[in-house]
Protein backbone atom coordinates (compact mmCIF):
# COMPACT_ATOMS: atom_id res chain seq x y z
CA UNK A 1 -2.99 -160.08 16.42
CA UNK A 2 -3.53 -162.40 13.45
CA UNK A 3 -2.24 -165.90 14.05
CA UNK A 4 -0.43 -167.73 11.27
CA UNK A 5 -2.28 -170.65 9.71
CA UNK A 6 -0.76 -173.96 8.84
CA UNK A 7 -2.85 -176.61 7.10
CA UNK A 8 -4.02 -179.18 9.64
CA UNK A 9 -3.33 -176.93 12.64
CA UNK A 10 -6.22 -176.48 15.07
CA UNK A 11 -6.18 -173.40 17.32
CA UNK A 12 -8.46 -173.27 20.34
CA UNK A 13 -9.98 -169.81 20.27
CA UNK A 14 -13.34 -168.25 21.02
CA UNK A 15 -14.37 -165.26 18.98
CA UNK A 16 -14.84 -162.07 20.98
CA UNK A 17 -18.14 -160.25 21.21
CA UNK A 18 -19.81 -158.55 19.48
CA UNK A 19 -18.22 -159.99 16.34
CA UNK A 20 -19.19 -163.55 17.32
CA UNK A 21 -22.88 -162.71 17.56
CA UNK A 22 -22.62 -160.85 14.26
CA UNK A 23 -21.10 -163.87 12.50
CA UNK A 24 -23.30 -166.44 14.29
CA UNK A 25 -26.51 -164.98 12.87
CA UNK A 26 -28.74 -167.73 11.34
CA UNK A 27 -28.53 -165.95 7.99
CA UNK A 28 -24.86 -167.03 7.77
CA UNK A 29 -25.28 -170.62 9.03
CA UNK A 30 -25.29 -172.01 5.49
CA UNK A 31 -22.07 -170.16 4.69
CA UNK A 32 -20.13 -171.58 7.65
CA UNK A 33 -21.40 -175.12 7.05
CA UNK A 34 -20.45 -174.92 3.37
CA UNK A 35 -17.01 -173.51 4.21
CA UNK A 36 -16.47 -176.28 6.74
CA UNK A 37 -17.35 -179.00 4.23
CA UNK A 38 -15.07 -177.49 1.58
CA UNK A 39 -12.09 -177.11 3.91
CA UNK A 40 -12.42 -180.64 5.30
CA UNK A 41 -12.45 -182.06 1.78
CA UNK A 42 -9.57 -179.86 0.69
CA UNK A 43 -6.89 -180.74 3.28
CA UNK A 44 -7.86 -177.54 5.18
CA UNK A 45 -6.36 -175.46 2.36
CA UNK A 46 -7.98 -172.03 2.12
CA UNK A 47 -8.35 -172.00 -1.64
CA UNK A 48 -11.17 -171.96 -4.13
CA UNK A 49 -14.51 -170.19 -4.31
CA UNK A 50 -17.85 -171.17 -2.84
CA UNK A 51 -21.13 -170.46 -4.59
CA UNK A 52 -24.16 -170.47 -2.32
CA UNK A 53 -27.52 -168.80 -1.79
CA UNK A 54 -27.91 -166.14 0.93
CA UNK A 55 -31.00 -164.26 2.00
CA UNK A 56 -30.98 -160.49 2.43
CA UNK A 57 -29.84 -160.62 6.06
CA UNK A 58 -27.05 -163.08 5.35
CA UNK A 59 -25.90 -161.13 2.29
CA UNK A 60 -25.90 -157.86 4.24
CA UNK A 61 -23.81 -159.33 7.07
CA UNK A 62 -21.35 -160.96 4.67
CA UNK A 63 -21.03 -157.66 2.83
CA UNK A 64 -20.34 -155.90 6.12
CA UNK A 65 -17.55 -158.36 6.89
CA UNK A 66 -16.01 -158.12 3.43
CA UNK A 67 -16.49 -154.37 3.13
CA UNK A 68 -18.34 -154.80 -0.17
CA UNK A 69 -21.98 -154.58 -1.17
CA UNK A 70 -23.39 -158.10 -1.49
CA UNK A 71 -26.75 -158.87 -3.04
CA UNK A 72 -29.08 -161.60 -1.85
CA UNK A 73 -29.33 -164.72 -3.99
CA UNK A 74 -26.47 -166.70 -5.48
CA UNK A 75 -23.22 -165.37 -3.99
CA UNK A 76 -19.60 -166.21 -4.90
CA UNK A 77 -17.28 -166.24 -1.88
CA UNK A 78 -13.51 -166.69 -2.44
CA UNK A 79 -12.20 -168.46 0.67
CA UNK A 80 -8.92 -166.53 0.67
CA UNK A 81 -10.84 -163.23 0.65
CA UNK A 82 -13.04 -164.40 3.51
CA UNK A 83 -9.96 -165.51 5.49
CA UNK A 84 -8.25 -162.14 4.98
CA UNK A 85 -11.38 -160.26 6.05
CA UNK A 86 -11.67 -162.26 9.27
CA UNK A 87 -8.01 -161.72 10.14
CA UNK A 88 -8.41 -157.97 9.57
CA UNK A 89 -11.65 -157.78 11.58
CA UNK A 90 -12.14 -157.63 15.33
CA UNK A 91 -12.29 -161.44 15.23
CA UNK A 92 -8.54 -161.36 14.60
CA UNK A 93 -8.33 -165.02 13.60
CA UNK A 94 -8.29 -167.27 10.57
CA UNK A 95 -11.17 -168.75 8.64
CA UNK A 96 -10.43 -172.20 10.07
CA UNK A 97 -10.57 -170.99 13.67
CA UNK A 98 -13.71 -168.97 12.99
CA UNK A 99 -15.53 -171.90 11.41
CA UNK A 100 -14.48 -174.25 14.21
CA UNK A 101 -15.91 -171.83 16.79
CA UNK A 102 -19.15 -171.11 14.91
CA UNK A 103 -19.88 -174.76 14.05
CA UNK A 104 -18.99 -176.08 17.49
CA UNK A 105 -16.03 -178.38 16.86
CA UNK A 106 -12.54 -178.35 15.34
CA UNK A 107 -12.19 -179.03 11.65
CA UNK A 108 -10.79 -182.35 10.48
CA UNK A 109 -8.58 -183.02 7.49
CA UNK A 110 -10.70 -185.78 5.96
CA UNK A 111 -8.03 -186.79 3.46
CA UNK A 112 -5.43 -187.12 6.21
CA UNK A 113 -7.87 -189.17 8.27
CA UNK A 114 -8.43 -191.46 5.32
CA UNK A 115 -4.70 -191.98 4.89
CA UNK A 116 -4.33 -192.73 8.58
CA UNK A 117 -7.18 -195.25 8.58
CA UNK A 118 -5.60 -197.06 5.67
CA UNK A 119 -2.49 -197.79 7.73
CA UNK A 120 -4.50 -199.64 10.39
CA UNK A 121 -5.79 -203.21 10.35
CA UNK A 122 -9.27 -201.87 9.63
CA UNK A 123 -8.00 -199.73 6.79
CA UNK A 124 -9.39 -201.95 4.07
CA UNK A 125 -12.92 -201.49 5.39
CA UNK A 126 -12.39 -197.75 5.57
CA UNK A 127 -11.29 -197.81 1.94
CA UNK A 128 -14.45 -199.70 1.04
CA UNK A 129 -16.67 -197.18 2.84
CA UNK A 130 -14.80 -194.25 1.30
CA UNK A 131 -15.01 -195.75 -2.19
CA UNK A 132 -18.75 -196.42 -1.85
CA UNK A 133 -19.34 -192.89 -0.60
CA UNK A 134 -17.29 -191.32 -3.38
CA UNK A 135 -19.08 -193.40 -6.03
CA UNK A 136 -22.52 -192.46 -4.68
CA UNK A 137 -23.37 -196.11 -3.94
CA UNK A 138 -23.31 -196.14 -0.14
CA UNK A 139 -27.07 -195.52 0.15
CA UNK A 140 -28.18 -198.47 -2.00
CA UNK A 141 -30.24 -201.00 -0.07
CA UNK A 142 -28.20 -204.05 -1.08
CA UNK A 143 -24.88 -202.61 0.12
CA UNK A 144 -25.20 -203.64 3.82
CA UNK A 145 -26.02 -207.22 2.80
CA UNK A 146 -23.04 -207.34 0.46
CA UNK A 147 -20.71 -205.83 3.03
CA UNK A 148 -21.74 -208.31 5.73
CA UNK A 149 -21.36 -211.27 3.36
CA UNK A 150 -17.85 -210.18 2.43
CA UNK A 151 -16.97 -209.66 6.09
CA UNK A 152 -18.39 -213.04 7.14
CA UNK A 153 -16.41 -214.84 4.44
CA UNK A 154 -13.16 -213.17 5.49
CA UNK A 155 -12.21 -212.36 1.90
CA UNK A 156 -10.54 -209.04 2.65
CA UNK A 157 -8.88 -210.20 5.85
CA UNK A 158 -7.15 -213.05 4.03
CA UNK A 159 -6.03 -210.74 1.23
CA UNK A 160 -4.34 -208.25 3.56
CA UNK A 161 -4.78 -204.46 3.81
CA UNK A 162 -3.02 -203.46 0.61
CA UNK A 163 -4.34 -206.13 -1.76
CA UNK A 164 -7.76 -206.03 -0.13
CA UNK A 165 -7.93 -202.26 -0.36
CA UNK A 166 -6.97 -202.26 -4.03
CA UNK A 167 -9.56 -204.95 -4.74
CA UNK A 168 -12.44 -203.14 -3.03
CA UNK A 169 -11.65 -199.89 -4.80
CA UNK A 170 -11.52 -201.69 -8.16
CA UNK A 171 -14.76 -203.50 -7.37
CA UNK A 172 -16.53 -200.26 -6.52
CA UNK A 173 -15.28 -198.70 -9.77
CA UNK A 174 -16.89 -201.59 -11.62
CA UNK A 175 -20.12 -201.29 -9.63
CA UNK A 176 -20.29 -197.57 -10.37
CA UNK A 177 -20.20 -198.40 -14.09
CA UNK A 178 -22.79 -201.16 -13.72
CA UNK A 179 -25.03 -199.27 -11.28
CA UNK A 180 -27.65 -198.36 -13.94
CA UNK A 181 -28.32 -202.08 -14.45
CA UNK A 182 -28.70 -202.54 -10.68
CA UNK A 183 -30.80 -199.47 -9.91
CA UNK A 184 -32.87 -199.37 -13.11
CA UNK A 185 -36.57 -200.08 -13.18
CA UNK A 186 -36.89 -203.88 -13.17
CA UNK A 187 -39.00 -203.73 -16.36
CA UNK A 188 -35.91 -202.82 -18.33
CA UNK A 189 -33.49 -205.32 -19.70
CA UNK A 190 -29.75 -204.88 -19.87
CA UNK A 191 -28.78 -201.89 -21.99
CA UNK A 192 -25.56 -202.25 -23.92
CA UNK A 193 -22.86 -204.89 -23.78
CA UNK A 194 -19.49 -204.63 -22.05
CA UNK A 195 -16.67 -207.06 -22.58
CA UNK A 196 -15.33 -208.44 -19.30
CA UNK A 197 -11.69 -208.05 -20.33
CA UNK A 198 -12.27 -204.46 -21.45
CA UNK A 199 -14.11 -203.65 -18.22
CA UNK A 200 -11.30 -205.22 -16.19
CA UNK A 201 -8.59 -203.27 -18.01
CA UNK A 202 -10.56 -200.06 -17.52
CA UNK A 203 -11.10 -200.55 -13.78
CA UNK A 204 -8.14 -202.61 -12.57
CA UNK A 205 -5.45 -201.94 -15.17
CA UNK A 206 -5.34 -205.67 -15.91
CA UNK A 207 -7.46 -207.36 -18.59
CA UNK A 208 -7.67 -210.41 -16.30
CA UNK A 209 -8.39 -208.40 -13.14
CA UNK A 210 -12.01 -209.55 -12.97
CA UNK A 211 -11.44 -213.15 -14.03
CA UNK A 212 -12.91 -216.03 -12.07
CA UNK A 213 -10.82 -216.50 -8.94
CA UNK A 214 -9.62 -212.88 -8.74
CA UNK A 215 -10.68 -211.00 -5.62
CA UNK A 216 -12.05 -207.91 -7.36
CA UNK A 217 -14.20 -210.03 -9.67
CA UNK A 218 -15.52 -212.06 -6.76
CA UNK A 219 -16.45 -208.91 -4.87
CA UNK A 220 -18.34 -207.54 -7.87
CA UNK A 221 -20.22 -210.80 -8.43
CA UNK A 222 -21.21 -210.97 -4.77
CA UNK A 223 -22.52 -207.43 -5.06
CA UNK A 224 -24.50 -208.31 -8.19
CA UNK A 225 -25.99 -211.32 -6.41
CA UNK A 226 -26.87 -209.24 -3.33
CA UNK A 227 -28.47 -206.54 -5.47
CA UNK A 228 -30.70 -209.13 -7.14
CA UNK A 229 -31.25 -211.20 -3.99
CA UNK A 230 -29.74 -214.23 -5.67
CA UNK A 231 -27.60 -216.95 -4.07
CA UNK A 232 -23.89 -217.00 -4.80
CA UNK A 233 -23.40 -219.10 -7.97
CA UNK A 234 -21.18 -222.05 -7.19
CA UNK A 235 -20.14 -222.87 -10.76
CA UNK A 236 -18.46 -220.97 -13.56
CA UNK A 237 -21.57 -221.04 -15.76
CA UNK A 238 -23.66 -219.48 -13.00
CA UNK A 239 -21.13 -216.72 -12.45
CA UNK A 240 -21.03 -216.05 -16.20
CA UNK A 241 -24.82 -215.69 -16.21
CA UNK A 242 -24.60 -213.22 -13.33
CA UNK A 243 -22.18 -211.08 -15.32
CA UNK A 244 -24.46 -211.27 -18.34
CA UNK A 245 -27.46 -210.06 -16.34
CA UNK A 246 -25.47 -206.90 -15.68
CA UNK A 247 -24.67 -206.48 -19.37
CA UNK A 248 -21.13 -207.90 -19.17
CA UNK A 249 -20.03 -210.78 -21.37
CA UNK A 250 -16.93 -212.88 -20.81
CA UNK A 251 -16.92 -213.68 -24.52
CA UNK A 252 -19.27 -213.40 -27.47
CA UNK A 253 -19.76 -217.08 -28.26
CA UNK A 254 -20.59 -219.02 -25.09
CA UNK A 255 -23.89 -217.28 -24.28
CA UNK A 256 -26.68 -218.07 -26.74
CA UNK A 257 -30.37 -217.50 -27.35
CA UNK A 258 -32.67 -220.12 -28.90
CA UNK A 259 -34.90 -219.19 -31.84
CA UNK A 260 -37.33 -221.10 -34.00
CA UNK A 261 -39.12 -219.87 -37.10
CA UNK A 262 -37.26 -216.57 -37.30
CA UNK A 263 -37.45 -215.41 -40.92
CA UNK A 264 -35.58 -212.13 -41.39
CA UNK A 265 -36.37 -210.32 -44.64
CA UNK A 266 -33.68 -209.67 -47.25
CA UNK A 267 -31.62 -211.59 -49.78
CA UNK A 268 -28.24 -211.46 -48.04
CA UNK A 269 -26.69 -214.80 -47.01
CA UNK A 270 -27.46 -214.56 -43.29
CA UNK A 271 -31.23 -213.89 -43.49
CA UNK A 272 -31.48 -216.44 -46.32
CA UNK A 273 -29.76 -219.00 -44.07
CA UNK A 274 -32.13 -218.31 -41.15
CA UNK A 275 -35.18 -218.59 -43.39
CA UNK A 276 -33.86 -221.88 -44.73
CA UNK A 277 -33.42 -223.23 -41.20
CA UNK A 278 -36.94 -222.09 -40.34
CA UNK A 279 -38.35 -223.89 -43.38
CA UNK A 280 -36.48 -227.06 -42.38
CA UNK A 281 -37.97 -226.84 -38.88
CA UNK A 282 -34.59 -226.39 -37.20
CA UNK A 283 -33.91 -224.66 -33.90
CA UNK A 284 -31.07 -222.12 -34.07
CA UNK A 285 -28.66 -221.08 -31.32
CA UNK A 286 -27.64 -217.46 -31.92
CA UNK A 287 -24.51 -216.08 -30.26
CA UNK A 288 -23.75 -212.45 -29.54
CA UNK A 289 -20.89 -212.66 -32.04
CA UNK A 290 -23.30 -213.72 -34.76
CA UNK A 291 -25.96 -211.14 -33.89
CA UNK A 292 -23.43 -208.31 -33.99
CA UNK A 293 -21.45 -209.38 -37.06
CA UNK A 294 -21.76 -207.30 -40.28
CA UNK A 295 -23.74 -210.05 -42.00
CA UNK A 296 -26.51 -209.76 -39.38
CA UNK A 297 -27.00 -205.99 -39.57
CA UNK A 298 -30.16 -206.31 -41.68
CA UNK A 299 -33.55 -206.19 -39.89
CA UNK A 300 -34.49 -209.35 -38.00
CA UNK A 301 -38.24 -208.90 -38.44
CA UNK A 302 -40.70 -206.65 -40.18
CA UNK A 303 -42.56 -203.99 -38.22
CA UNK A 304 -45.73 -205.49 -36.77
CA UNK A 305 -44.31 -209.02 -36.78
CA UNK A 306 -45.54 -210.94 -33.72
CA UNK A 307 -42.67 -212.70 -31.94
CA UNK A 308 -43.54 -214.92 -28.99
CA UNK A 309 -40.96 -215.33 -26.23
CA UNK A 310 -40.89 -218.16 -23.69
CA UNK A 311 -38.68 -218.96 -20.73
CA UNK A 312 -38.29 -222.75 -20.97
CA UNK A 313 -36.65 -224.75 -23.79
CA UNK A 314 -39.34 -227.45 -23.52
CA UNK A 315 -41.87 -224.98 -24.92
CA UNK A 316 -39.68 -224.18 -27.92
CA UNK A 317 -38.89 -227.84 -28.51
CA UNK A 318 -42.59 -228.72 -28.57
CA UNK A 319 -43.35 -225.79 -30.86
CA UNK A 320 -40.64 -226.95 -33.28
CA UNK A 321 -42.10 -230.46 -33.36
CA UNK A 322 -45.57 -229.27 -34.46
CA UNK A 323 -44.29 -226.97 -36.09
CA UNK A 324 -45.83 -223.52 -35.53
CA UNK A 325 -45.84 -220.78 -38.17
CA UNK A 326 -44.62 -217.74 -36.28
CA UNK A 327 -41.23 -217.06 -34.68
CA UNK A 328 -40.54 -218.13 -31.11
CA UNK A 329 -37.60 -217.03 -28.95
CA UNK A 330 -36.56 -218.95 -25.83
CA UNK A 331 -34.51 -217.20 -23.14
CA UNK A 332 -33.79 -220.38 -21.12
CA UNK A 333 -34.20 -218.45 -17.88
CA UNK A 334 -32.85 -214.95 -17.48
CA UNK A 335 -31.70 -213.90 -20.96
CA UNK A 336 -28.02 -214.07 -21.77
CA UNK A 337 -26.34 -211.03 -23.26
CA UNK A 338 -27.15 -212.49 -26.67
CA UNK A 339 -30.77 -212.87 -25.58
CA UNK A 340 -31.07 -209.25 -24.46
CA UNK A 341 -29.44 -208.08 -27.67
CA UNK A 342 -31.91 -210.05 -29.78
CA UNK A 343 -34.98 -208.88 -27.83
CA UNK A 344 -33.87 -205.26 -27.85
CA UNK A 345 -33.21 -205.36 -31.60
CA UNK A 346 -36.56 -206.96 -32.35
CA UNK A 347 -38.40 -204.39 -30.24
CA UNK A 348 -36.47 -201.51 -31.82
CA UNK A 349 -37.36 -202.78 -35.29
CA UNK A 350 -41.07 -202.73 -34.47
CA UNK A 351 -41.65 -206.41 -33.76
CA UNK A 352 -44.44 -207.09 -31.25
CA UNK A 353 -42.96 -209.23 -28.48
CA UNK A 354 -45.27 -211.42 -26.36
CA UNK A 355 -43.71 -213.04 -23.26
CA UNK A 356 -44.68 -216.01 -21.11
CA UNK A 357 -42.68 -217.55 -18.28
CA UNK A 358 -42.98 -219.59 -15.10
CA UNK A 359 -45.44 -218.52 -12.44
CA UNK A 360 -42.88 -218.57 -9.63
CA UNK A 361 -40.93 -215.77 -8.00
CA UNK A 362 -37.75 -216.21 -10.07
CA UNK A 363 -39.99 -216.32 -13.15
CA UNK A 364 -41.69 -213.10 -12.12
CA UNK A 365 -38.29 -211.45 -11.69
CA UNK A 366 -37.40 -212.45 -15.25
CA UNK A 367 -40.79 -211.32 -16.55
CA UNK A 368 -40.51 -207.96 -14.80
CA UNK A 369 -37.40 -207.21 -16.83
CA UNK A 370 -38.48 -208.64 -20.17
CA UNK A 371 -41.88 -206.93 -20.05
CA UNK A 372 -40.11 -203.63 -20.47
CA UNK A 373 -39.75 -204.75 -24.09
CA UNK A 374 -42.74 -207.07 -24.47
CA UNK A 375 -46.39 -207.48 -23.59
CA UNK A 376 -47.56 -210.32 -21.33
CA UNK A 377 -48.70 -213.54 -22.96
CA UNK A 378 -51.08 -215.49 -20.70
CA UNK A 379 -49.23 -213.98 -17.75
CA UNK A 380 -52.00 -212.38 -15.71
CA UNK A 381 -53.81 -213.19 -12.47
CA UNK A 382 -56.71 -214.88 -14.27
CA UNK A 383 -54.29 -217.00 -16.32
CA UNK A 384 -52.58 -218.09 -13.10
CA UNK A 385 -55.86 -218.97 -11.37
CA UNK A 386 -57.06 -221.00 -14.37
CA UNK A 387 -53.74 -222.86 -14.51
CA UNK A 388 -54.07 -223.76 -10.84
CA UNK A 389 -57.42 -225.45 -11.44
CA UNK A 390 -55.79 -227.83 -13.93
CA UNK A 391 -52.65 -228.43 -11.89
CA UNK A 392 -52.20 -232.14 -11.01
CA UNK A 393 -51.75 -232.77 -7.32
CA UNK A 394 -48.31 -234.26 -7.88
CA UNK A 395 -47.27 -231.08 -9.70
CA UNK A 396 -48.16 -228.72 -6.83
CA UNK A 397 -44.83 -227.11 -6.00
CA UNK A 398 -44.68 -224.49 -3.22
CA UNK A 399 -43.45 -221.02 -4.08
CA UNK A 400 -40.00 -220.25 -2.71
CA UNK A 401 -37.95 -217.07 -2.46
CA UNK A 402 -38.94 -213.45 -1.99
CA UNK A 403 -42.19 -212.27 -3.62
CA UNK A 404 -41.75 -210.06 -6.68
CA UNK A 405 -44.18 -207.26 -7.64
CA UNK A 406 -46.05 -207.77 -10.92
CA UNK A 407 -46.81 -204.23 -12.10
CA UNK A 408 -48.29 -205.42 -15.42
CA UNK A 409 -51.05 -207.06 -13.28
CA UNK A 410 -50.71 -206.33 -9.54
CA UNK A 411 -53.40 -208.90 -8.76
CA UNK A 412 -51.09 -211.64 -10.05
CA UNK A 413 -48.60 -211.27 -7.20
CA UNK A 414 -51.52 -211.19 -4.74
CA UNK A 415 -52.95 -214.40 -6.21
CA UNK A 416 -49.59 -216.13 -6.08
CA UNK A 417 -49.04 -215.14 -2.46
CA UNK A 418 -52.55 -216.30 -1.65
CA UNK A 419 -52.21 -219.77 -3.20
CA UNK A 420 -48.55 -220.34 -2.42
CA UNK A 421 -48.05 -222.57 -5.48
CA UNK A 422 -45.83 -222.33 -8.54
CA UNK A 423 -47.05 -223.08 -12.06
CA UNK A 424 -44.33 -223.80 -14.58
CA UNK A 425 -44.65 -223.21 -18.31
CA UNK A 426 -44.75 -226.91 -19.11
CA UNK A 427 -48.01 -227.18 -17.16
CA UNK A 428 -49.82 -224.86 -19.57
CA UNK A 429 -47.97 -226.10 -22.66
CA UNK A 430 -51.13 -227.10 -24.61
CA UNK A 431 -52.54 -223.58 -24.26
CA UNK A 432 -49.27 -221.99 -25.36
CA UNK A 433 -48.94 -224.28 -28.37
CA UNK A 434 -52.50 -223.53 -29.44
CA UNK A 435 -51.74 -219.80 -29.27
CA UNK A 436 -48.60 -220.30 -31.35
CA UNK A 437 -50.48 -222.41 -33.90
CA UNK A 438 -53.38 -219.98 -34.39
CA UNK A 439 -51.97 -216.52 -33.62
CA UNK A 440 -51.73 -214.15 -36.61
CA UNK A 441 -48.11 -213.58 -37.58
CA UNK A 442 -48.61 -209.82 -37.84
CA UNK A 443 -50.72 -207.40 -35.85
CA UNK A 444 -51.22 -203.67 -35.51
CA UNK A 445 -49.21 -202.48 -32.48
């Protein structure tokens, strides 16, 4: 007799022989596992159609059960049809009971379990795990570190289950959008620019939902720091920089990039103004708002133009005092959103970027990203070893932090680990200035 099925109901039943052996054949294992997964995701509702691959034996046995010829290969199996066939067969039971027997344990309504977990004191953590799993982020290596930091700080406990749960789900929605900037090859810079208010409205329903001091924003920033193995920034400026590294800008005017000697071609007011500043020997702070305004749409440099890029403002200041003929960009550490925009535009226009930075682990992390757009400038193992020989004893600073691979010259990371000392840009300033003074302003790429 066929038993009625109610969603969520589990019936203890063992299939009779020989039908059980027929259905338990290894050729049908994939079918029962796929059915189980679908039902558990679907509130145990016997609806929808599975598409899966079956070999000849599996297809023949499924066809025997359904009373229809079934070919090996990709097979479409309507769950309702499969349920009706089982009820009409000598098994005499539903699809849910059959799958529970053949897979060794009762089915669970995963959605109902989620709802139940959310009503408990640990529900907020369950919501975090569920959100990470649904977003495809649970496997990322920085997630356990982030999760433990949040737990240790008691952020979600203080917020309460409902507010904490809403915040973690919003944070994971943000991280899913930003995940390409976290998982991308470190050679690449940030691609694209997102406004913080727009991102907040999109993920939290509130344009201020990711503002400084809001729980969701704090969770995202802690995740960004964990992903990059950076300490939690204690000031507003540091947190803004962390957003910018992920391609998110709080506004378009506070983050800048320093340039000297940039002479864009063209007779429109903006390139004329920049050329005039270059001729006067003035350093220019460019904002994202300026770089993206209609007046700045003209090319920034001619194809083949050599543009040197440094990490530290002292290098640019010294270059401006000489002055040097060619353009120099200073990122002042990890580039701001404006800095990434400028570098990406220059590279896209055919400028030849040459980058130098500090020989320390944070400097190598910056270089690893910028060198996706540029070529190294005195940034190899031999350059490091030569700099060490001229390093004053008082300037010998030990390397700190986690070592960073240097794929543009793997021997560089080995040399740095071997010596254990950092060499900052200011130490090799005379060499850099000589390069800037004598380097041709155009080259063949």
